Amino acid sequence: MAFNKRVKIKELLENDYIDRDVVIMGWVRTKRSNKNVSFIALNDGSSIKNYQIVADPNILSEEILKKTTTGACLKVFGKIVPSQGAGQQNELVAAKIDILGEADPEKYPLQPKKHSLEFLREIAHLRVRTNTFGAVFRVRHALAFAVHKYFNDKGFFYIHTPIITASDAEGAGETFKVTTLDLKNPPISEDGKIDFKSDFFEKETNLTVSGQLEGELAAMGLGDIYTFGPTFRAENSNTARHLAEFWMIEPEMAFYDAEDNQDLAEDFLKYVISYALENCKDDIAFLDNRAAEEDSTKKADQRSEMGLLERLQFVVENKFQRLTYTEAIDVLKNSNYNKKQKFQYLIEDWGVDLQSEHERYLVEKHFKKPVILTDYPKEIKAFYMRQNDDGKTVAAMDILFPGIGEIVGGSQREERLDLLSKRMEEMNIPTEEMWWYLDTRRFGSTPHAGFGLGFERLVLFVTGMGNIRDVIAFPRTPGHAEF
């Protein structure tokens, strides 16, 4: 018999296997015993639900049952029978148990009790075995699959943009450098600077902060494309919203204007959230209860007005509110929060960059629905955004979600060579190094648009978790590169 002729627990729960002999494998969550029998709760990761194993000491050896401790990995042979107890419809009566991997109960850190998220981050290599993280990563998988399905069904092409680049798409300078030079003795040029001509790529390179610019190049020949890959920001930020390594979804579309871009982004978000709601019912129900428990420990004014499940359905069922940055500034400036100085950053003048507290006020307090903000001042946005006729604003859009703030940022791209070149010069972006990007405006330029969605922020919203480090398996943050 092949080793892996097993039935997954999810399949056992969803189908009728009564009176059938099966093999299941998984990790012990709990074991409780009386004089006559032991009940083992087994989980194999396929479902948040455990499966009950009935182990009779008259059939199984004392040595095997002694090794059946929390964390141990088992291969169980037996028959499925209707359950006598409450909580499950059927169970497996074990005829034989193989111990695939022991777990010393004195040392195994995930004993059946409540563990803090901070503690679980310290053992991130094991935390996926908990109910919370099993649920989070199954939801993360469903969302990733939904991303590909959505774009594929719409006729988009998936492009793999480079991870090593020579450009900083955002112009922020917070990049991780890539080099093969001897850091203890780097070659120095005549002007006293490091001579990157001697480096592997013969120029200064870094890990990508965005696949957008290369995505635009692909859209100029394929029409509609998307990227979905890792991006890196060397931003020394220790907040619950920032990672040094995260995943970005970045569609770019030829023949799209700003409104087309907003329509696509709203439709896309509703689709992937609907997909998770439909395909991760048990996990989201568990996370909904978890979020409610966590919320109950907060002060009354810090509690969410809606539960997680309610919030997800609300986003799917309601049309997003659209307004310009200028209109948003008026709302914020005249709000009681601003007048009573409840904002940490008071809104006084047009042109300021909105903070997370302002974004969340618009979504959670004022409109009480997701918001699409458009037409930002050009001074606070990137060089590639299309300049509006007023000379002050650009055709940008940000989508704001409850509890998160900005979840999507995008724009119609500047397709006019003269205006793009002038803007790059104003922002000290070397046009000679970006000749390849400007070529798309020299040869057959067209209106086009795109947006970026930080995947972890989407997972954060759908799972109701409070810290972005808890929605990626192995978070990379300042001072942390374990596992």
Protein backbone atom coordinates (compact mmCIF):
# COMPACT_ATOMS: atom_id res chain seq x y z
CA MET A 1 0.00 0.00 0.00
CA ALA A 2 1.36 3.41 -0.96
CA PHE A 3 2.22 5.53 2.09
CA ASN A 4 -0.11 8.38 1.18
CA LYS A 5 -3.39 6.57 0.49
CA ARG A 6 -5.06 8.85 3.01
CA VAL A 7 -8.37 10.70 3.20
CA LYS A 8 -8.15 14.36 4.19
CA ILE A 9 -10.21 15.43 7.19
CA LYS A 10 -12.04 18.06 5.12
CA GLU A 11 -13.21 15.31 2.77
CA LEU A 12 -14.30 13.10 5.69
CA LEU A 13 -16.40 15.94 7.08
CA GLU A 14 -18.06 16.74 3.75
CA ASN A 15 -18.80 13.20 2.49
CA ASP A 16 -20.40 9.99 3.72
CA TYR A 17 -17.67 7.54 4.68
CA ILE A 18 -19.73 5.56 7.24
CA ASP A 19 -18.59 1.90 7.54
CA ARG A 20 -15.60 2.49 5.29
CA ASP A 21 -12.02 1.62 6.23
CA VAL A 22 -9.79 4.67 5.81
CA VAL A 23 -6.34 5.99 6.62
CA ILE A 24 -5.98 9.51 7.99
CA MET A 25 -2.87 11.41 9.04
CA GLY A 26 -2.40 14.54 11.08
CA TRP A 27 -1.19 16.17 14.26
CA VAL A 28 -2.67 15.59 17.69
CA ARG A 29 -4.41 18.66 19.07
CA THR A 30 -5.74 17.09 22.26
CA LYS A 31 -6.17 13.70 23.91
CA ARG A 32 -8.53 12.86 26.75
CA SER A 33 -8.80 9.45 28.32
CA ASN A 34 -10.88 7.45 30.75
CA LYS A 35 -10.41 3.85 31.92
CA ASN A 36 -11.99 2.34 28.83
CA VAL A 37 -11.05 4.58 25.90
CA SER A 38 -9.02 7.56 24.65
CA PHE A 39 -10.40 10.29 22.42
CA ILE A 40 -7.82 11.93 20.13
CA ALA A 41 -8.56 15.17 18.26
CA LEU A 42 -6.56 15.08 15.03
CA ASN A 43 -6.01 17.95 12.58
CA ASP A 44 -4.30 17.70 9.17
CA GLY A 45 -4.55 21.36 8.07
CA SER A 46 -7.24 20.76 5.45
CA SER A 47 -9.95 22.18 7.73
CA ILE A 48 -10.18 24.20 10.91
CA LYS A 49 -12.19 21.30 12.35
CA ASN A 50 -10.47 18.44 14.14
CA TYR A 51 -11.50 14.81 13.62
CA GLN A 52 -12.16 12.51 16.54
CA ILE A 53 -10.24 9.24 16.82
CA VAL A 54 -11.53 6.63 19.26
CA ALA A 55 -8.59 4.63 20.60
CA ASP A 56 -9.37 1.45 22.56
CA PRO A 57 -6.50 0.37 24.88
CA ASN A 58 -7.58 -3.27 24.34
CA ILE A 59 -6.72 -2.91 20.65
CA LEU A 60 -3.79 -0.46 20.75
CA SER A 61 -0.64 -0.86 22.81
CA GLU A 62 0.01 1.20 25.91
CA GLU A 63 3.32 2.35 24.37
CA ILE A 64 1.58 3.80 21.30
CA LEU A 65 -1.07 5.58 23.36
CA LYS A 66 1.61 6.99 25.66
CA LYS A 67 3.35 8.58 22.63
CA THR A 68 0.07 10.02 21.37
CA THR A 69 0.62 13.47 22.89
CA THR A 70 -0.28 16.99 21.74
CA GLY A 71 1.87 17.85 18.72
CA ALA A 72 2.69 14.26 17.76
CA CYS A 73 2.06 13.25 14.14
CA LEU A 74 -0.02 10.10 13.56
CA LYS A 75 -1.03 7.76 10.78
CA VAL A 76 -4.32 6.15 11.80
CA PHE A 77 -6.00 3.11 10.23
CA GLY A 78 -9.61 2.38 11.11
CA LYS A 79 -13.33 2.40 10.33
CA ILE A 80 -15.67 5.40 10.19
CA VAL A 81 -18.70 4.97 12.45
CA PRO A 82 -21.57 7.25 13.54
CA SER A 83 -20.51 9.27 16.59
CA GLN A 84 -22.05 8.54 19.98
CA GLY A 85 -21.11 11.94 21.43
CA ALA A 86 -22.06 15.53 20.69
CA GLY A 87 -20.02 17.81 18.43
CA GLN A 88 -19.37 15.51 15.49
CA GLN A 89 -21.53 13.34 13.24
CA ASN A 90 -19.01 10.55 12.82
CA GLU A 91 -15.64 9.41 14.11
CA LEU A 92 -12.90 6.91 13.39
CA VAL A 93 -12.39 3.81 15.51
CA ALA A 94 -8.67 3.15 15.33
CA ALA A 95 -7.50 -0.35 14.43
CA LYS A 96 -3.86 0.69 14.21
CA ILE A 97 -1.84 3.85 14.92
CA ASP A 98 1.64 4.57 13.58
CA ILE A 99 3.57 7.36 15.30
CA LEU A 100 5.13 9.32 12.43
CA GLY A 101 6.71 11.92 14.70
CA GLU A 102 6.81 12.23 18.48
CA ALA A 103 6.44 15.53 20.37
CA ASP A 104 7.86 15.68 23.88
CA PRO A 105 5.05 17.23 25.98
CA GLU A 106 7.63 18.79 28.28
CA LYS A 107 9.17 20.75 25.40
CA TYR A 108 6.44 21.19 22.76
CA PRO A 109 5.46 24.90 23.04
CA LEU A 110 1.91 24.62 21.64
CA GLN A 111 0.09 22.92 24.47
CA PRO A 112 -3.75 23.17 24.37
CA LYS A 113 -4.18 26.58 25.97
CA LYS A 114 -4.51 30.18 24.74
CA HIS A 115 -1.25 31.68 23.47
CA SER A 116 -0.62 35.37 22.78
CA LEU A 117 0.04 36.47 19.21
CA GLU A 118 3.36 37.97 20.38
CA PHE A 119 4.47 34.56 21.69
CA LEU A 120 3.36 32.85 18.48
CA ARG A 121 5.42 35.28 16.37
CA GLU A 122 8.48 34.05 18.28
CA ILE A 123 7.69 30.50 17.15
CA ALA A 124 6.44 31.36 13.66
CA HIS A 125 7.78 28.02 12.40
CA LEU A 126 5.11 26.25 14.50
CA ARG A 127 2.25 28.78 14.69
CA VAL A 128 0.57 27.51 11.50
CA ARG A 129 -0.53 24.50 13.61
CA THR A 130 -2.85 26.71 15.68
CA ASN A 131 -6.51 27.29 14.80
CA THR A 132 -5.98 31.01 14.25
CA PHE A 133 -3.06 30.73 11.87
CA GLY A 134 -4.42 27.68 10.08
CA ALA A 135 -7.52 29.77 9.32
CA VAL A 136 -5.50 32.85 8.28
CA PHE A 137 -3.32 30.94 5.83
CA ARG A 138 -6.21 29.00 4.29
CA VAL A 139 -7.99 32.35 3.72
CA ARG A 140 -4.75 33.79 2.31
CA HIS A 141 -4.55 30.91 -0.17
CA ALA A 142 -8.18 31.40 -1.23
CA LEU A 143 -7.60 35.12 -1.82
CA ALA A 144 -4.45 34.46 -3.85
CA PHE A 145 -6.30 31.92 -5.99
CA ALA A 146 -9.20 34.37 -6.43
CA VAL A 147 -6.78 37.08 -7.64
CA HIS A 148 -5.52 34.83 -10.45
CA LYS A 149 -9.01 33.57 -11.29
CA TYR A 150 -10.46 37.08 -11.51
CA PHE A 151 -7.83 38.40 -13.89
CA ASN A 152 -7.64 35.22 -15.94
CA ASP A 153 -11.42 35.20 -16.43
CA LYS A 154 -11.22 38.84 -17.58
CA GLY A 155 -8.57 38.04 -20.20
CA PHE A 156 -5.61 39.60 -18.38
CA PHE A 157 -2.12 38.16 -18.80
CA TYR A 158 0.07 37.36 -15.77
CA ILE A 159 3.50 38.97 -16.10
CA HIS A 160 6.52 38.16 -13.92
CA THR A 161 8.27 41.47 -13.39
CA PRO A 162 11.90 41.52 -12.16
CA ILE A 163 12.76 41.28 -8.48
CA ILE A 164 16.18 42.86 -9.09
CA THR A 165 15.89 46.29 -10.71
CA ALA A 166 17.93 49.44 -11.28
CA SER A 167 14.98 51.76 -10.68
CA ASP A 168 13.08 52.97 -7.62
CA ALA A 169 9.52 53.22 -8.94
CA GLU A 170 8.28 55.23 -5.97
CA GLY A 171 11.29 57.54 -5.80
CA ALA A 172 11.42 57.16 -2.01
CA GLY A 173 14.95 55.75 -1.88
CA GLU A 174 14.04 53.11 0.73
CA THR A 175 15.51 50.17 -1.16
CA PHE A 176 17.49 47.06 -0.29
CA LYS A 177 20.74 47.09 -2.28
CA VAL A 178 21.81 44.06 -4.31
CA THR A 179 25.56 43.54 -4.79
CA THR A 180 28.29 40.93 -5.12
CA LEU A 181 31.02 43.42 -4.17
CA ASP A 182 33.25 42.72 -1.17
CA LEU A 183 31.63 44.97 1.43
CA LYS A 184 34.81 45.00 3.52
CA ASN A 185 36.87 46.28 0.61
CA PRO A 186 34.64 47.68 -2.18
CA PRO A 187 36.28 49.13 -5.32
CA ILE A 188 36.41 52.94 -5.24
CA SER A 189 36.26 55.16 -8.33
CA GLU A 190 38.33 58.32 -8.87
CA ASP A 191 35.62 60.53 -7.34
CA GLY A 192 35.77 58.49 -4.10
CA LYS A 193 32.46 56.67 -4.57
CA ILE A 194 31.87 52.91 -4.82
CA ASP A 195 32.62 51.74 -8.37
CA PHE A 196 29.57 49.72 -9.34
CA LYS A 197 31.10 49.09 -12.78
CA SER A 198 32.91 46.23 -11.03
CA ASP A 199 29.63 44.81 -9.66
CA PHE A 200 27.69 41.88 -11.15
CA PHE A 201 25.23 44.05 -13.11
CA GLU A 202 27.84 46.81 -13.69
CA LYS A 203 25.48 49.33 -12.10
CA GLU A 204 23.76 49.99 -8.78
CA THR A 205 20.78 47.64 -8.29
CA ASN A 206 18.16 46.96 -5.62
CA LEU A 207 15.25 44.70 -4.76
CA THR A 208 12.08 45.93 -6.43
CA VAL A 209 9.68 48.24 -4.63
CA SER A 210 7.04 47.75 -7.34
CA GLY A 211 6.46 45.90 -10.59
CA GLN A 212 4.42 48.80 -11.97
CA LEU A 213 6.86 50.37 -14.44
CA GLU A 214 7.67 47.04 -16.09
CA GLY A 215 3.97 46.21 -15.98
CA GLU A 216 3.23 49.34 -17.99
CA LEU A 217 5.70 48.20 -20.66
CA ALA A 218 3.88 44.86 -20.96
CA ALA A 219 0.45 46.53 -21.11
CA MET A 220 1.66 48.58 -24.08
CA GLY A 221 1.76 45.38 -26.13
CA LEU A 222 -0.58 42.92 -24.42
CA GLY A 223 -3.36 45.32 -23.43
CA ASP A 224 -4.39 44.06 -19.98
CA ILE A 225 -1.79 42.55 -17.64
CA TYR A 226 -1.27 42.01 -13.92
CA THR A 227 1.67 41.22 -11.69
CA PHE A 228 1.50 39.45 -8.35
CA GLY A 229 4.83 39.13 -6.63
CA PRO A 230 7.08 40.07 -3.72
CA THR A 231 8.18 43.66 -3.21
CA PHE A 232 10.62 45.14 -0.71
CA ARG A 233 10.79 48.42 1.23
CA ALA A 234 13.71 49.24 3.52
CA GLU A 235 11.49 51.48 5.62
CA ASN A 236 12.57 51.35 9.26
CA SER A 237 9.01 51.18 10.54
CA ASN A 238 7.88 49.01 13.44
CA THR A 239 4.13 49.50 13.09
CA ALA A 240 1.31 46.96 12.84
CA ARG A 241 0.83 48.04 9.18
CA HIS A 242 4.34 47.71 7.70
CA LEU A 243 6.52 44.87 6.41
CA ALA A 244 9.91 44.99 4.71
CA GLU A 245 8.88 42.14 2.39
CA PHE A 246 5.31 41.89 1.15
CA TRP A 247 3.30 40.88 -1.91
CA MET A 248 1.75 43.28 -4.40
CA ILE A 249 -0.99 42.86 -6.98
CA GLU A 250 -0.53 45.39 -9.78
CA PRO A 251 -2.76 45.37 -12.87
CA GLU A 252 -1.94 47.72 -15.75
CA MET A 253 -4.42 48.33 -18.56
CA ALA A 254 -3.98 50.00 -21.92
CA PHE A 255 -6.98 52.02 -23.17
CA TYR A 256 -8.26 52.70 -19.60
CA ASP A 257 -8.94 56.10 -18.08
CA ALA A 258 -9.23 57.04 -14.39
CA GLU A 259 -12.90 56.05 -14.14
CA ASP A 260 -12.31 52.68 -15.82
CA ASN A 261 -9.53 52.12 -13.28
CA GLN A 262 -11.84 52.85 -10.33
CA ASP A 263 -14.55 50.55 -11.73
CA LEU A 264 -12.09 47.68 -12.13
CA ALA A 265 -10.59 48.10 -8.65
CA GLU A 266 -14.01 48.14 -6.96
CA ASP A 267 -15.21 45.11 -8.92
CA PHE A 268 -11.96 43.25 -8.19
CA LEU A 269 -12.11 43.84 -4.42
CA LYS A 270 -15.73 42.75 -4.23
CA TYR A 271 -14.96 39.61 -6.23
CA VAL A 272 -12.02 38.36 -4.14
CA ILE A 273 -13.80 39.08 -0.84
CA SER A 274 -16.93 37.26 -2.13
CA TYR A 275 -14.74 34.32 -3.14
CA ALA A 276 -13.30 34.06 0.38
CA LEU A 277 -16.76 34.34 1.95
CA GLU A 278 -18.02 31.53 -0.26
CA ASN A 279 -15.02 29.19 0.01
CA CYS A 280 -13.75 29.79 3.58
CA LYS A 281 -17.00 29.74 5.57
CA ASP A 282 -15.68 27.75 8.54
CA ASP A 283 -12.43 29.70 8.78
CA ILE A 284 -14.12 33.10 8.51
CA ALA A 285 -16.77 32.07 11.07
CA PHE A 286 -13.94 31.14 13.46
CA LEU A 287 -12.09 34.42 12.76
CA ASP A 288 -15.34 36.36 13.20
CA ASN A 289 -15.77 34.88 16.70
CA ARG A 290 -12.11 35.50 17.47
CA ALA A 291 -12.38 39.17 16.40
CA ALA A 292 -15.55 39.60 18.51
CA GLU A 293 -13.77 38.21 21.60
CA GLU A 294 -10.83 40.54 21.01
CA ASP A 295 -13.15 43.50 20.45
CA SER A 296 -14.95 42.86 23.74
CA THR A 297 -11.71 43.56 25.65
CA LYS A 298 -11.38 47.06 24.15
CA LYS A 299 -12.79 50.33 25.45
CA ALA A 300 -16.30 51.06 24.18
CA ASP A 301 -15.17 53.90 21.85
CA GLN A 302 -12.51 51.65 20.26
CA ARG A 303 -14.85 48.77 19.40
CA SER A 304 -15.90 48.06 15.82
CA GLU A 305 -19.46 48.93 14.94
CA MET A 306 -19.67 45.77 12.82
CA GLY A 307 -18.35 42.25 13.29
CA LEU A 308 -15.89 40.79 10.79
CA LEU A 309 -18.47 38.84 8.77
CA GLU A 310 -20.81 41.83 8.76
CA ARG A 311 -17.97 44.10 7.57
CA LEU A 312 -17.05 41.78 4.69
CA GLN A 313 -20.65 41.46 3.53
CA PHE A 314 -21.08 45.24 3.84
CA VAL A 315 -18.14 45.88 1.47
CA VAL A 316 -19.43 43.36 -1.05
CA GLU A 317 -23.02 44.66 -1.02
CA ASN A 318 -22.46 48.45 -1.02
CA LYS A 319 -21.33 50.75 -3.79
CA PHE A 320 -18.11 52.52 -2.83
CA GLN A 321 -18.40 56.26 -2.13
CA ARG A 322 -16.40 58.31 -4.66
CA LEU A 323 -15.20 61.85 -3.97
CA THR A 324 -12.26 64.07 -4.80
CA TYR A 325 -9.40 64.89 -2.44
CA THR A 326 -10.66 68.51 -2.37
CA GLU A 327 -14.14 67.36 -1.24
CA ALA A 328 -12.54 65.10 1.38
CA ILE A 329 -10.49 67.99 2.78
CA ASP A 330 -13.70 70.01 3.19
CA VAL A 331 -15.37 67.11 5.04
CA LEU A 332 -12.38 66.62 7.33
CA LYS A 333 -11.76 70.34 7.95
CA ASN A 334 -15.37 70.89 9.00
CA SER A 335 -15.66 67.72 11.08
CA ASN A 336 -16.11 67.77 14.85
CA TYR A 337 -12.99 65.62 15.10
CA ASN A 338 -10.97 68.43 13.54
CA LYS A 339 -12.73 71.27 15.36
CA LYS A 340 -12.36 69.53 18.73
CA GLN A 341 -8.75 68.62 17.93
CA LYS A 342 -9.34 64.86 18.17
CA PHE A 343 -7.10 64.28 15.14
CA GLN A 344 -3.41 63.91 15.93
CA TYR A 345 -2.73 65.72 12.64
CA LEU A 346 -5.17 68.61 12.27
CA ILE A 347 -6.46 69.47 8.80
CA GLU A 348 -5.79 73.14 8.12
CA ASP A 349 -4.82 73.60 4.49
CA TRP A 350 -5.44 72.01 1.10
CA GLY A 351 -2.41 70.05 -0.11
CA VAL A 352 -1.56 68.03 3.00
CA ASP A 353 -1.05 64.28 2.73
CA LEU A 354 -3.88 62.44 4.48
CA GLN A 355 -2.95 60.26 7.45
CA SER A 356 -4.49 56.90 8.34
CA GLU A 357 -6.67 58.59 11.00
CA HIS A 358 -8.20 60.88 8.35
CA GLU A 359 -8.80 58.01 5.94
CA ARG A 360 -10.46 55.92 8.62
CA TYR A 361 -12.64 58.87 9.72
CA LEU A 362 -14.01 59.23 6.19
CA VAL A 363 -14.76 55.49 5.94
CA GLU A 364 -15.85 54.62 9.47
CA LYS A 365 -17.43 57.80 10.83
CA HIS A 366 -18.59 59.98 7.94
CA PHE A 367 -19.62 57.84 4.95
CA LYS A 368 -19.73 54.47 6.75
CA LYS A 369 -18.71 52.65 3.58
CA PRO A 370 -15.53 52.10 1.52
CA VAL A 371 -14.33 55.30 -0.13
CA ILE A 372 -12.53 55.98 -3.41
CA LEU A 373 -10.61 59.27 -3.17
CA THR A 374 -9.55 60.85 -6.46
CA ASP A 375 -7.64 63.82 -7.89
CA TYR A 376 -4.90 64.36 -5.31
CA PRO A 377 -2.48 67.33 -5.35
CA LYS A 378 0.34 66.47 -7.75
CA GLU A 379 2.96 67.53 -5.18
CA ILE A 380 2.17 64.55 -2.92
CA LYS A 381 1.92 61.93 -5.65
CA ALA A 382 4.35 60.02 -7.89
CA PHE A 383 5.82 61.35 -11.14
CA TYR A 384 3.99 58.92 -13.44
CA MET A 385 0.43 60.05 -12.57
CA ARG A 386 -1.53 61.87 -15.26
CA GLN A 387 -1.76 65.61 -14.69
CA ASN A 388 -5.26 67.08 -14.67
CA ASP A 389 -6.21 70.18 -16.63
CA ASP A 390 -6.28 72.32 -13.47
CA GLY A 391 -2.46 72.12 -13.25
CA LYS A 392 -2.69 71.32 -9.52
CA THR A 393 -3.98 67.76 -9.28
CA VAL A 394 -3.35 64.35 -10.83
CA ALA A 395 -5.72 61.53 -11.86
CA ALA A 396 -4.86 59.44 -8.80
CA MET A 397 -7.17 57.23 -6.75
CA ASP A 398 -6.88 55.62 -3.33
CA ILE A 399 -9.41 53.12 -2.00
CA LEU A 400 -9.99 53.33 1.75
CA PHE A 401 -11.37 50.47 3.85
CA PRO A 402 -12.67 50.35 7.44
CA GLY A 403 -10.03 49.36 9.97
CA ILE A 404 -7.27 49.55 7.36
CA GLY A 405 -7.23 52.95 5.70
CA GLU A 406 -5.66 52.86 2.24
CA ILE A 407 -5.86 49.40 0.67
CA VAL A 408 -5.43 50.35 -3.02
CA GLY A 409 -3.43 53.12 -4.66
CA GLY A 410 -3.52 53.81 -8.38
CA SER A 411 -3.89 56.32 -11.17
CA GLN A 412 -4.29 56.97 -14.82
CA ARG A 413 -0.69 57.11 -16.02
CA GLU A 414 0.76 60.16 -17.79
CA GLU A 415 0.87 59.14 -21.47
CA ARG A 416 2.06 62.52 -22.84
CA LEU A 417 5.83 62.50 -23.34
CA ASP A 418 6.38 66.23 -22.87
CA LEU A 419 4.44 66.45 -19.60
CA LEU A 420 5.96 63.25 -18.22
CA SER A 421 9.52 64.35 -19.05
CA LYS A 422 8.96 67.76 -17.49
CA ARG A 423 7.50 66.21 -14.31
CA MET A 424 10.45 63.81 -14.00
CA GLU A 425 12.89 66.73 -14.27
CA GLU A 426 10.95 68.66 -11.60
CA MET A 427 11.23 65.65 -9.28
CA ASN A 428 14.92 65.00 -10.08
CA ILE A 429 14.26 61.61 -11.66
CA PRO A 430 17.01 60.99 -14.26
CA THR A 431 15.28 60.77 -17.64
CA GLU A 432 18.40 59.31 -19.32
CA GLU A 433 18.27 56.26 -17.03
CA MET A 434 14.54 55.84 -17.70
CA TRP A 435 14.85 55.98 -21.51
CA TRP A 436 13.11 52.62 -21.81
CA TYR A 437 10.07 53.88 -19.88
CA LEU A 438 9.87 57.07 -21.94
CA ASP A 439 10.05 55.01 -25.16
CA THR A 440 6.50 53.77 -24.48
CA ARG A 441 5.42 57.43 -24.74
CA ARG A 442 7.52 58.01 -27.88
CA PHE A 443 6.13 55.08 -29.84
CA GLY A 444 2.39 54.47 -29.97
CA SER A 445 1.46 56.02 -26.62
CA THR A 446 -2.10 55.62 -25.38
CA PRO A 447 -4.17 56.45 -22.30
CA HIS A 448 -3.60 53.72 -19.74
CA ALA A 449 -4.09 53.15 -16.02
CA GLY A 450 -3.37 50.77 -13.18
CA PHE A 451 -3.32 50.27 -9.44
CA GLY A 452 -1.44 48.49 -6.69
CA LEU A 453 -2.93 46.45 -3.87
CA GLY A 454 -0.80 45.33 -0.95
CA PHE A 455 -1.89 41.71 -0.62
CA GLU A 456 -1.20 41.52 3.12
CA ARG A 457 -3.51 44.48 3.76
CA LEU A 458 -6.27 42.63 1.91
CA VAL A 459 -5.63 39.48 3.99
CA LEU A 460 -5.60 41.65 7.13
CA PHE A 461 -9.02 43.04 6.25
CA VAL A 462 -10.59 39.68 5.34
CA THR A 463 -9.25 37.84 8.40
CA GLY A 464 -9.85 40.62 10.92
CA MET A 465 -6.34 40.27 12.32
CA GLY A 466 -4.87 43.37 13.95
CA ASN A 467 -1.21 43.10 12.93
CA ILE A 468 0.17 42.64 9.42
CA ARG A 469 2.88 40.34 10.82
CA ASP A 470 0.15 37.79 11.48
CA VAL A 471 -1.05 37.40 7.88
CA ILE A 472 2.24 36.40 6.24
CA ALA A 473 3.94 33.15 7.24
CA PHE A 474 7.38 34.54 8.00
CA PRO A 475 7.27 38.34 8.48
CA ARG A 476 10.32 40.45 7.65
CA THR A 477 10.54 43.59 9.78
CA PRO A 478 13.39 45.69 11.20
CA GLY A 479 15.63 43.38 13.23
CA HIS A 480 13.65 40.25 12.31
CA ALA A 481 14.74 37.80 9.61
CA GLU A 482 14.28 34.50 11.45
CA PHE A 483 13.02 31.29 9.92
